[in-house]
Amino acid sequence: MRHDSSAGEDAEIIDQGDGRFSIRGPLTFESVSHVMELSKPLFADHEVLHIDLAEVTDSDSAGLALLLEWVNWGRHYVHEIRYKNVPERIQAIAKISEVSDLLAAGERWTGPLTKA
């Protein structure tokens, strides 16, 4: 199931079933609010989320903020969130900002960030 953004924004969340999602397009200041709104109903019914970011075409600190917001959301609703293929730019911003550990905090039971 594909959930496309509106108003000309490129970002979309693709529901691959079983709590697996991929993000396609930019995760930037212009798109993250919309992606956050799209994610709420999609993520709500899953205890474990696998979010693949391999198709993110552009990212900035707002993209990092979105990933951290999802981790925070997961903490409040007892969800496990695992990120795959986190863009290098987001990882670099996380490292400089000293929040890299927070990205992995959504992984309640196992494993670090993964690259495909």
Protein backbone atom coordinates (compact mmCIF):
# COMPACT_ATOMS: atom_id res chain seq x y z
CA MET A 1 0.00 0.00 0.00
CA ARG A 2 1.41 3.38 -0.95
CA HIS A 3 0.64 6.57 0.88
CA ASP A 4 1.71 9.46 -1.29
CA SER A 5 2.16 12.95 -0.03
CA SER A 6 0.12 15.81 -1.32
CA ALA A 7 0.73 19.44 -2.22
CA GLY A 8 3.58 18.51 -4.55
CA GLU A 9 5.85 17.05 -1.88
CA ASP A 10 7.91 14.06 -2.93
CA ALA A 11 8.09 12.14 0.34
CA GLU A 12 6.01 9.01 0.79
CA ILE A 13 5.74 6.06 3.14
CA ILE A 14 5.33 2.67 1.53
CA ASP A 15 3.65 0.04 3.69
CA GLN A 16 5.28 -3.30 2.86
CA GLY A 17 3.20 -5.23 5.39
CA ASP A 18 4.02 -6.79 8.76
CA GLY A 19 5.28 -3.53 10.27
CA ARG A 20 7.78 -2.97 7.48
CA PHE A 21 7.87 0.42 5.84
CA SER A 22 10.11 2.25 3.44
CA ILE A 23 10.49 5.97 3.05
CA ARG A 24 10.91 7.33 -0.46
CA GLY A 25 11.90 10.90 -1.25
CA PRO A 26 13.36 13.70 0.84
CA LEU A 27 13.40 13.91 4.63
CA THR A 28 13.96 17.65 4.86
CA PHE A 29 12.43 20.69 6.51
CA GLU A 30 9.94 20.86 3.64
CA SER A 31 8.69 17.27 3.96
CA VAL A 32 9.04 15.91 7.50
CA SER A 33 5.82 17.37 8.94
CA HIS A 34 3.85 15.67 6.21
CA VAL A 35 5.74 12.37 6.66
CA MET A 36 5.05 12.52 10.40
CA GLU A 37 1.33 12.95 9.77
CA LEU A 38 1.33 10.06 7.28
CA SER A 39 3.15 7.82 9.75
CA LYS A 40 0.76 8.14 12.69
CA PRO A 41 -2.07 5.93 11.40
CA LEU A 42 0.31 3.59 9.58
CA PHE A 43 2.52 2.86 12.59
CA ALA A 44 -0.18 2.80 15.27
CA ASP A 45 -1.12 -0.88 15.10
CA HIS A 46 2.41 -2.34 15.06
CA GLU A 47 4.52 -3.34 18.05
CA VAL A 48 7.67 -3.65 15.96
CA LEU A 49 8.49 -1.27 13.12
CA HIS A 50 11.18 -1.79 10.52
CA ILE A 51 11.81 1.42 8.62
CA ASP A 52 14.03 1.26 5.55
CA LEU A 53 15.50 4.59 4.51
CA ALA A 54 17.38 3.35 1.42
CA GLU A 55 15.20 5.42 -0.92
CA VAL A 56 15.58 8.72 0.94
CA THR A 57 16.82 11.11 -1.73
CA ASP A 58 17.81 14.06 0.47
CA SER A 59 18.04 14.69 4.19
CA ASP A 60 18.94 17.33 6.71
CA SER A 61 18.65 17.89 10.44
CA ALA A 62 14.84 17.79 10.16
CA GLY A 63 15.15 14.21 8.90
CA LEU A 64 17.15 13.35 12.01
CA ALA A 65 14.55 15.09 14.16
CA LEU A 66 11.82 12.96 12.56
CA LEU A 67 13.68 9.71 13.30
CA LEU A 68 14.21 10.82 16.90
CA GLU A 69 10.54 11.78 17.19
CA TRP A 70 9.56 8.28 16.03
CA VAL A 71 11.87 6.81 18.70
CA ASN A 72 10.23 9.03 21.31
CA TRP A 73 6.77 8.02 20.08
CA GLY A 74 7.79 4.37 20.26
CA ARG A 75 8.93 4.77 23.86
CA HIS A 76 5.58 6.16 24.88
CA TYR A 77 3.61 3.43 23.12
CA VAL A 78 5.96 0.48 23.81
CA HIS A 79 7.04 -0.06 20.23
CA GLU A 80 10.35 -1.24 18.88
CA ILE A 81 11.67 0.77 15.95
CA ARG A 82 14.53 -0.43 13.80
CA TYR A 83 16.07 1.76 11.14
CA LYS A 84 17.78 0.30 8.13
CA ASN A 85 19.92 2.17 5.60
CA VAL A 86 20.01 5.43 7.56
CA PRO A 87 21.37 8.06 5.15
CA GLU A 88 24.99 8.99 5.79
CA ARG A 89 24.04 12.65 6.12
CA ILE A 90 21.60 11.89 8.96
CA GLN A 91 24.19 9.66 10.65
CA ALA A 92 26.79 12.46 10.37
CA ILE A 93 24.42 15.05 11.85
CA ALA A 94 23.52 12.61 14.65
CA LYS A 95 27.20 12.03 15.41
CA ILE A 96 28.05 15.74 15.44
CA SER A 97 24.99 16.42 17.61
CA GLU A 98 25.95 13.53 19.92
CA VAL A 99 22.58 11.82 19.52
CA SER A 100 23.64 8.70 17.62
CA ASP A 101 22.77 6.53 20.62
CA LEU A 102 19.24 7.94 20.65
CA LEU A 103 18.62 6.61 17.13
CA ALA A 104 19.35 3.11 18.35
CA ALA A 105 17.26 3.61 21.50
CA GLY A 106 14.18 2.49 19.60
CA GLU A 107 15.66 -0.97 19.31
CA ARG A 108 14.40 -2.34 22.58
CA TRP A 109 15.72 -5.88 22.27
CA THR A 110 18.60 -6.14 19.86
CA GLY A 111 20.97 -4.69 17.36
CA PRO A 112 22.51 -1.47 16.07
CA LEU A 113 21.63 0.60 13.01
CA THR A 114 22.13 -1.51 9.92
CA LYS A 115 23.30 -0.86 6.39
CA ALA A 116 22.07 -3.21 3.67
